[in-house]
PDB file of N, CA and C in Angstrom:
ATOM      1  N   MET A   1      -0.587 -15.080 -27.820  1.00  0.00           N
ATOM      2  CA  MET A   1       0.095 -14.014 -27.111  1.00  0.00           C
ATOM      3  C   MET A   1       1.091 -14.644 -26.137  1.00  0.00           C
ATOM      4  N   ASP A   2       2.334 -14.183 -26.172  1.00  0.00           N
ATOM      5  CA  ASP A   2       3.337 -14.717 -25.252  1.00  0.00           C
ATOM      6  C   ASP A   2       3.154 -14.108 -23.855  1.00  0.00           C
ATOM      7  N   ALA A   3       3.825 -14.700 -22.875  1.00  0.00           N
ATOM      8  CA  ALA A   3       3.650 -14.295 -21.472  1.00  0.00           C
ATOM      9  C   ALA A   3       4.043 -12.836 -21.251  1.00  0.00           C
ATOM     10  N   LYS A   4       5.124 -12.390 -21.866  1.00  0.00           N
ATOM     11  CA  LYS A   4       5.569 -11.015 -21.664  1.00  0.00           C
ATOM     12  C   LYS A   4       4.537 -10.019 -22.190  1.00  0.00           C
ATOM     13  N   SER A   5       3.952 -10.305 -23.341  1.00  0.00           N
ATOM     14  CA  SER A   5       2.918  -9.442 -23.903  1.00  0.00           C
ATOM     15  C   SER A   5       1.648  -9.489 -23.062  1.00  0.00           C
ATOM     16  N   ARG A   6       1.327 -10.663 -22.525  1.00  0.00           N
ATOM     17  CA  ARG A   6       0.142 -10.790 -21.675  1.00  0.00           C
ATOM     18  C   ARG A   6       0.307  -9.974 -20.402  1.00  0.00           C
ATOM     19  N   VAL A   7       1.490 -10.058 -19.779  1.00  0.00           N
ATOM     20  CA  VAL A   7       1.762  -9.263 -18.577  1.00  0.00           C
ATOM     21  C   VAL A   7       1.656  -7.779 -18.907  1.00  0.00           C
ATOM     22  N   ALA A   8       2.224  -7.370 -20.017  1.00  0.00           N
ATOM     23  CA  ALA A   8       2.183  -5.955 -20.423  1.00  0.00           C
ATOM     24  C   ALA A   8       0.746  -5.479 -20.573  1.00  0.00           C
ATOM     25  N   SER A   9      -0.063  -6.249 -21.268  1.00  0.00           N
ATOM     26  CA  SER A   9      -1.450  -5.877 -21.504  1.00  0.00           C
ATOM     27  C   SER A   9      -2.247  -5.834 -20.202  1.00  0.00           C
ATOM     28  N   ASN A  10      -2.098  -6.854 -19.372  1.00  0.00           N
ATOM     29  CA  ASN A  10      -2.824  -6.896 -18.099  1.00  0.00           C
ATOM     30  C   ASN A  10      -2.387  -5.779 -17.165  1.00  0.00           C
ATOM     31  N   LEU A  11      -1.102  -5.516 -17.126  1.00  0.00           N
ATOM     32  CA  LEU A  11      -0.592  -4.454 -16.265  1.00  0.00           C
ATOM     33  C   LEU A  11      -1.167  -3.101 -16.672  1.00  0.00           C
ATOM     34  N   ARG A  12      -1.131  -2.812 -17.938  1.00  0.00           N
ATOM     35  CA  ARG A  12      -1.660  -1.538 -18.444  1.00  0.00           C
ATOM     36  C   ARG A  12      -3.157  -1.421 -18.119  1.00  0.00           C
ATOM     37  N   ARG A  13      -3.916  -2.499 -18.347  1.00  0.00           N
ATOM     38  CA  ARG A  13      -5.357  -2.487 -18.070  1.00  0.00           C
ATOM     39  C   ARG A  13      -5.636  -2.295 -16.586  1.00  0.00           C
ATOM     40  N   LEU A  14      -4.948  -3.058 -15.729  1.00  0.00           N
ATOM     41  CA  LEU A  14      -5.167  -2.941 -14.284  1.00  0.00           C
ATOM     42  C   LEU A  14      -4.809  -1.541 -13.784  1.00  0.00           C
ATOM     43  N   ARG A  15      -3.719  -0.998 -14.291  1.00  0.00           N
ATOM     44  CA  ARG A  15      -3.289   0.339 -13.869  1.00  0.00           C
ATOM     45  C   ARG A  15      -4.302   1.399 -14.279  1.00  0.00           C
ATOM     46  N   THR A  16      -4.719   1.355 -15.535  1.00  0.00           N
ATOM     47  CA  THR A  16      -5.650   2.379 -16.010  1.00  0.00           C
ATOM     48  C   THR A  16      -7.039   2.209 -15.395  1.00  0.00           C
ATOM     49  N   ASP A  17      -7.457   0.967 -15.156  1.00  0.00           N
ATOM     50  CA  ASP A  17      -8.743   0.733 -14.487  1.00  0.00           C
ATOM     51  C   ASP A  17      -8.782   1.380 -13.107  1.00  0.00           C
ATOM     52  N   ARG A  18      -7.629   1.501 -12.479  1.00  0.00           N
ATOM     53  CA  ARG A  18      -7.546   2.098 -11.149  1.00  0.00           C
ATOM     54  C   ARG A  18      -7.266   3.600 -11.201  1.00  0.00           C
ATOM     55  N   GLY A  19      -7.189   4.128 -12.415  1.00  0.00           N
ATOM     56  CA  GLY A  19      -6.974   5.559 -12.578  1.00  0.00           C
ATOM     57  C   GLY A  19      -5.578   6.004 -12.192  1.00  0.00           C
ATOM     58  N   LEU A  20      -4.605   5.094 -12.307  1.00  0.00           N
ATOM     59  CA  LEU A  20      -3.230   5.413 -11.930  1.00  0.00           C
ATOM     60  C   LEU A  20      -2.388   5.739 -13.150  1.00  0.00           C
ATOM     61  N   THR A  21      -1.487   6.684 -12.990  1.00  0.00           N
ATOM     62  CA  THR A  21      -0.483   6.931 -14.018  1.00  0.00           C
ATOM     63  C   THR A  21       0.679   5.978 -13.770  1.00  0.00           C
ATOM     64  N   GLN A  22       1.563   5.887 -14.737  1.00  0.00           N
ATOM     65  CA  GLN A  22       2.771   5.083 -14.519  1.00  0.00           C
ATOM     66  C   GLN A  22       3.562   5.641 -13.346  1.00  0.00           C
ATOM     67  N   GLU A  23       3.587   6.945 -13.227  1.00  0.00           N
ATOM     68  CA  GLU A  23       4.311   7.574 -12.120  1.00  0.00           C
ATOM     69  C   GLU A  23       3.694   7.186 -10.776  1.00  0.00           C
ATOM     70  N   ASP A  24       2.357   7.195 -10.691  1.00  0.00           N
ATOM     71  CA  ASP A  24       1.674   6.776  -9.458  1.00  0.00           C
ATOM     72  C   ASP A  24       2.062   5.345  -9.084  1.00  0.00           C
ATOM     73  N   LEU A  25       1.964   4.446 -10.063  1.00  0.00           N
ATOM     74  CA  LEU A  25       2.274   3.041  -9.802  1.00  0.00           C
ATOM     75  C   LEU A  25       3.746   2.858  -9.476  1.00  0.00           C
ATOM     76  N   SER A  26       4.582   3.637 -10.110  1.00  0.00           N
ATOM     77  CA  SER A  26       6.010   3.596  -9.833  1.00  0.00           C
ATOM     78  C   SER A  26       6.292   3.900  -8.364  1.00  0.00           C
ATOM     79  N   GLU A  27       5.659   4.949  -7.869  1.00  0.00           N
ATOM     80  CA  GLU A  27       5.854   5.325  -6.466  1.00  0.00           C
ATOM     81  C   GLU A  27       5.309   4.265  -5.523  1.00  0.00           C
ATOM     82  N   ARG A  28       4.129   3.721  -5.837  1.00  0.00           N
ATOM     83  CA  ARG A  28       3.504   2.715  -4.972  1.00  0.00           C
ATOM     84  C   ARG A  28       4.276   1.399  -4.945  1.00  0.00           C
ATOM     85  N   SER A  29       4.884   1.040  -6.061  1.00  0.00           N
ATOM     86  CA  SER A  29       5.557  -0.257  -6.169  1.00  0.00           C
ATOM     87  C   SER A  29       7.067  -0.185  -5.965  1.00  0.00           C
ATOM     88  N   ASN A  30       7.593   1.035  -5.912  1.00  0.00           N
ATOM     89  CA  ASN A  30       9.034   1.241  -5.818  1.00  0.00           C
ATOM     90  C   ASN A  30       9.766   0.603  -7.014  1.00  0.00           C
ATOM     91  N   VAL A  31       9.164   0.809  -8.188  1.00  0.00           N
ATOM     92  CA  VAL A  31       9.757   0.373  -9.457  1.00  0.00           C
ATOM     93  C   VAL A  31       9.903   1.631 -10.290  1.00  0.00           C
ATOM     94  N   HIS A  32      11.090   1.880 -10.814  1.00  0.00           N
ATOM     95  CA  HIS A  32      11.339   3.102 -11.571  1.00  0.00           C
ATOM     96  C   HIS A  32      10.350   3.225 -12.727  1.00  0.00           C
ATOM     97  N   GLN A  33       9.889   4.431 -12.982  1.00  0.00           N
ATOM     98  CA  GLN A  33       8.870   4.673 -14.003  1.00  0.00           C
ATOM     99  C   GLN A  33       9.326   4.222 -15.388  1.00  0.00           C
ATOM    100  N   THR A  34      10.568   4.442 -15.741  1.00  0.00           N
ATOM    101  CA  THR A  34      11.029   4.020 -17.072  1.00  0.00           C
ATOM    102  C   THR A  34      11.068   2.502 -17.185  1.00  0.00           C
ATOM    103  N   TYR A  35      11.384   1.824 -16.079  1.00  0.00           N
ATOM    104  CA  TYR A  35      11.370   0.352 -16.082  1.00  0.00           C
ATOM    105  C   TYR A  35       9.930  -0.124 -16.230  1.00  0.00           C
ATOM    106  N   LEU A  36       9.023   0.486 -15.482  1.00  0.00           N
ATOM    107  CA  LEU A  36       7.604   0.133 -15.547  1.00  0.00           C
ATOM    108  C   LEU A  36       7.077   0.325 -16.968  1.00  0.00           C
ATOM    109  N   SER A  37       7.473   1.402 -17.613  1.00  0.00           N
ATOM    110  CA  SER A  37       7.089   1.651 -18.998  1.00  0.00           C
ATOM    111  C   SER A  37       7.585   0.527 -19.903  1.00  0.00           C
ATOM    112  N   GLY A  38       8.794   0.064 -19.656  1.00  0.00           N
ATOM    113  CA  GLY A  38       9.348  -1.044 -20.427  1.00  0.00           C
ATOM    114  C   GLY A  38       8.583  -2.343 -20.229  1.00  0.00           C
ATOM    115  N   VAL A  39       8.098  -2.564 -19.017  1.00  0.00           N
ATOM    116  CA  VAL A  39       7.288  -3.759 -18.740  1.00  0.00           C
ATOM    117  C   VAL A  39       5.959  -3.644 -19.479  1.00  0.00           C
ATOM    118  N   GLU A  40       5.337  -2.464 -19.419  1.00  0.00           N
ATOM    119  CA  GLU A  40       4.049  -2.251 -20.078  1.00  0.00           C
ATOM    120  C   GLU A  40       4.144  -2.337 -21.596  1.00  0.00           C
ATOM    121  N   SER A  41       5.288  -2.072 -22.149  1.00  0.00           N
ATOM    122  CA  SER A  41       5.452  -2.141 -23.601  1.00  0.00           C
ATOM    123  C   SER A  41       6.092  -3.463 -24.031  1.00  0.00           C
ATOM    124  N   ALA A  42       6.225  -4.391 -23.096  1.00  0.00           N
ATOM    125  CA  ALA A  42       6.780  -5.728 -23.349  1.00  0.00           C
ATOM    126  C   ALA A  42       8.230  -5.670 -23.832  1.00  0.00           C
ATOM    127  N   LYS A  43       8.949  -4.613 -23.456  1.00  0.00           N
ATOM    128  CA  LYS A  43      10.362  -4.496 -23.801  1.00  0.00           C
ATOM    129  C   LYS A  43      11.255  -4.997 -22.672  1.00  0.00           C
ATOM    130  N   ARG A  44      10.714  -5.050 -21.468  1.00  0.00           N
ATOM    131  CA  ARG A  44      11.456  -5.520 -20.292  1.00  0.00           C
ATOM    132  C   ARG A  44      10.901  -6.850 -19.840  1.00  0.00           C
ATOM    133  N   ASN A  45      11.780  -7.679 -19.292  1.00  0.00           N
ATOM    134  CA  ASN A  45      11.393  -8.974 -18.753  1.00  0.00           C
ATOM    135  C   ASN A  45      11.563  -8.905 -17.241  1.00  0.00           C
ATOM    136  N   PRO A  46      10.498  -8.526 -16.510  1.00  0.00           N
ATOM    137  CA  PRO A  46      10.637  -8.295 -15.072  1.00  0.00           C
ATOM    138  C   PRO A  46      10.837  -9.582 -14.281  1.00  0.00           C
ATOM    139  N   THR A  47      11.495  -9.442 -13.152  1.00  0.00           N
ATOM    140  CA  THR A  47      11.673 -10.578 -12.250  1.00  0.00           C
ATOM    141  C   THR A  47      10.366 -10.835 -11.507  1.00  0.00           C
ATOM    142  N   VAL A  48      10.286 -11.993 -10.890  1.00  0.00           N
ATOM    143  CA  VAL A  48       9.119 -12.333 -10.082  1.00  0.00           C
ATOM    144  C   VAL A  48       8.984 -11.330  -8.937  1.00  0.00           C
ATOM    145  N   GLU A  49      10.095 -10.930  -8.352  1.00  0.00           N
ATOM    146  CA  GLU A  49      10.066  -9.958  -7.256  1.00  0.00           C
ATOM    147  C   GLU A  49       9.438  -8.641  -7.698  1.00  0.00           C
ATOM    148  N   VAL A  50       9.809  -8.158  -8.870  1.00  0.00           N
ATOM    149  CA  VAL A  50       9.243  -6.909  -9.388  1.00  0.00           C
ATOM    150  C   VAL A  50       7.751  -7.087  -9.657  1.00  0.00           C
ATOM    151  N   LEU A  51       7.366  -8.216 -10.249  1.00  0.00           N
ATOM    152  CA  LEU A  51       5.952  -8.467 -10.509  1.00  0.00           C
ATOM    153  C   LEU A  51       5.157  -8.527  -9.214  1.00  0.00           C
ATOM    154  N   GLU A  52       5.732  -9.096  -8.169  1.00  0.00           N
ATOM    155  CA  GLU A  52       5.056  -9.149  -6.869  1.00  0.00           C
ATOM    156  C   GLU A  52       4.854  -7.743  -6.302  1.00  0.00           C
ATOM    157  N   ARG A  53       5.846  -6.873  -6.445  1.00  0.00           N
ATOM    158  CA  ARG A  53       5.712  -5.496  -5.949  1.00  0.00           C
ATOM    159  C   ARG A  53       4.661  -4.726  -6.728  1.00  0.00           C
ATOM    160  N   ILE A  54       4.635  -4.924  -8.039  1.00  0.00           N
ATOM    161  CA  ILE A  54       3.634  -4.258  -8.870  1.00  0.00           C
ATOM    162  C   ILE A  54       2.238  -4.760  -8.512  1.00  0.00           C
ATOM    163  N   ALA A  55       2.088  -6.067  -8.391  1.00  0.00           N
ATOM    164  CA  ALA A  55       0.781  -6.646  -8.044  1.00  0.00           C
ATOM    165  C   ALA A  55       0.312  -6.143  -6.685  1.00  0.00           C
ATOM    166  N   ALA A  56       1.204  -6.085  -5.720  1.00  0.00           N
ATOM    167  CA  ALA A  56       0.837  -5.593  -4.385  1.00  0.00           C
ATOM    168  C   ALA A  56       0.386  -4.137  -4.464  1.00  0.00           C
ATOM    169  N   ALA A  57       1.069  -3.334  -5.264  1.00  0.00           N
ATOM    170  CA  ALA A  57       0.698  -1.928  -5.412  1.00  0.00           C
ATOM    171  C   ALA A  57      -0.669  -1.781  -6.083  1.00  0.00           C
ATOM    172  N   LEU A  58      -1.008  -2.733  -6.948  1.00  0.00           N
ATOM    173  CA  LEU A  58      -2.305  -2.730  -7.623  1.00  0.00           C
ATOM    174  C   LEU A  58      -3.373  -3.437  -6.784  1.00  0.00           C
ATOM    175  N   ARG A  59      -2.952  -4.053  -5.691  1.00  0.00           N
ATOM    176  CA  ARG A  59      -3.837  -4.815  -4.795  1.00  0.00           C
ATOM    177  C   ARG A  59      -4.519  -5.973  -5.510  1.00  0.00           C
ATOM    178  N   VAL A  60      -3.704  -6.716  -6.264  1.00  0.00           N
ATOM    179  CA  VAL A  60      -4.180  -7.931  -6.926  1.00  0.00           C
ATOM    180  C   VAL A  60      -3.173  -9.036  -6.674  1.00  0.00           C
ATOM    181  N   ASP A  61      -3.611 -10.268  -6.855  1.00  0.00           N
ATOM    182  CA  ASP A  61      -2.686 -11.393  -6.791  1.00  0.00           C
ATOM    183  C   ASP A  61      -1.818 -11.353  -8.047  1.00  0.00           C
ATOM    184  N   VAL A  62      -0.573 -11.747  -7.915  1.00  0.00           N
ATOM    185  CA  VAL A  62       0.350 -11.700  -9.049  1.00  0.00           C
ATOM    186  C   VAL A  62      -0.178 -12.513 -10.232  1.00  0.00           C
ATOM    187  N   SER A  63      -0.987 -13.516  -9.976  1.00  0.00           N
ATOM    188  CA  SER A  63      -1.538 -14.327 -11.071  1.00  0.00           C
ATOM    189  C   SER A  63      -2.409 -13.496 -12.018  1.00  0.00           C
ATOM    190  N   GLU A  64      -2.988 -12.381 -11.536  1.00  0.00           N
ATOM    191  CA  GLU A  64      -3.793 -11.512 -12.387  1.00  0.00           C
ATOM    192  C   GLU A  64      -2.969 -10.914 -13.521  1.00  0.00           C
ATOM    193  N   LEU A  65      -1.685 -10.779 -13.317  1.00  0.00           N
ATOM    194  CA  LEU A  65      -0.826 -10.244 -14.373  1.00  0.00           C
ATOM    195  C   LEU A  65      -0.641 -11.228 -15.529  1.00  0.00           C
ATOM    196  N   PHE A  66      -0.889 -12.518 -15.261  1.00  0.00           N
ATOM    197  CA  PHE A  66      -0.703 -13.558 -16.265  1.00  0.00           C
ATOM    198  C   PHE A  66      -2.026 -14.066 -16.840  1.00  0.00           C
ATOM    199  N   ARG A  67      -3.129 -13.537 -16.348  1.00  0.00           N
ATOM    200  CA  ARG A  67      -4.455 -14.017 -16.738  1.00  0.00           C
ATOM    201  C   ARG A  67      -4.702 -13.823 -18.232  1.00  0.00           C
ATOM    202  N   LYS A  68      -5.282 -14.841 -18.855  1.00  0.00           N
ATOM    203  CA  LYS A  68      -5.644 -14.731 -20.266  1.00  0.00           C
ATOM    204  C   LYS A  68      -6.880 -13.853 -20.380  1.00  0.00           C
ATOM    205  N   PRO A  69      -6.915 -13.017 -21.421  1.00  0.00           N
ATOM    206  CA  PRO A  69      -8.069 -12.112 -21.596  1.00  0.00           C
ATOM    207  C   PRO A  69      -9.348 -12.882 -21.921  1.00  0.00           C
TER     208      PRO A  69
END
């Protein structure tokens, strides 16, 4: 699994584990919902800054987004 797919999978799992919709996470992270959807589907290549905002909104270290399953 490449890094972009791993981030997508981890992001989706972390978000759903917390009972958040993409819209909820979008508001918490200040990342547009359509962009967030693109990250979750591995169609977007987010910057480190965006990943840091998403991780902070999920209350995890950014490394959790890259963790191997």
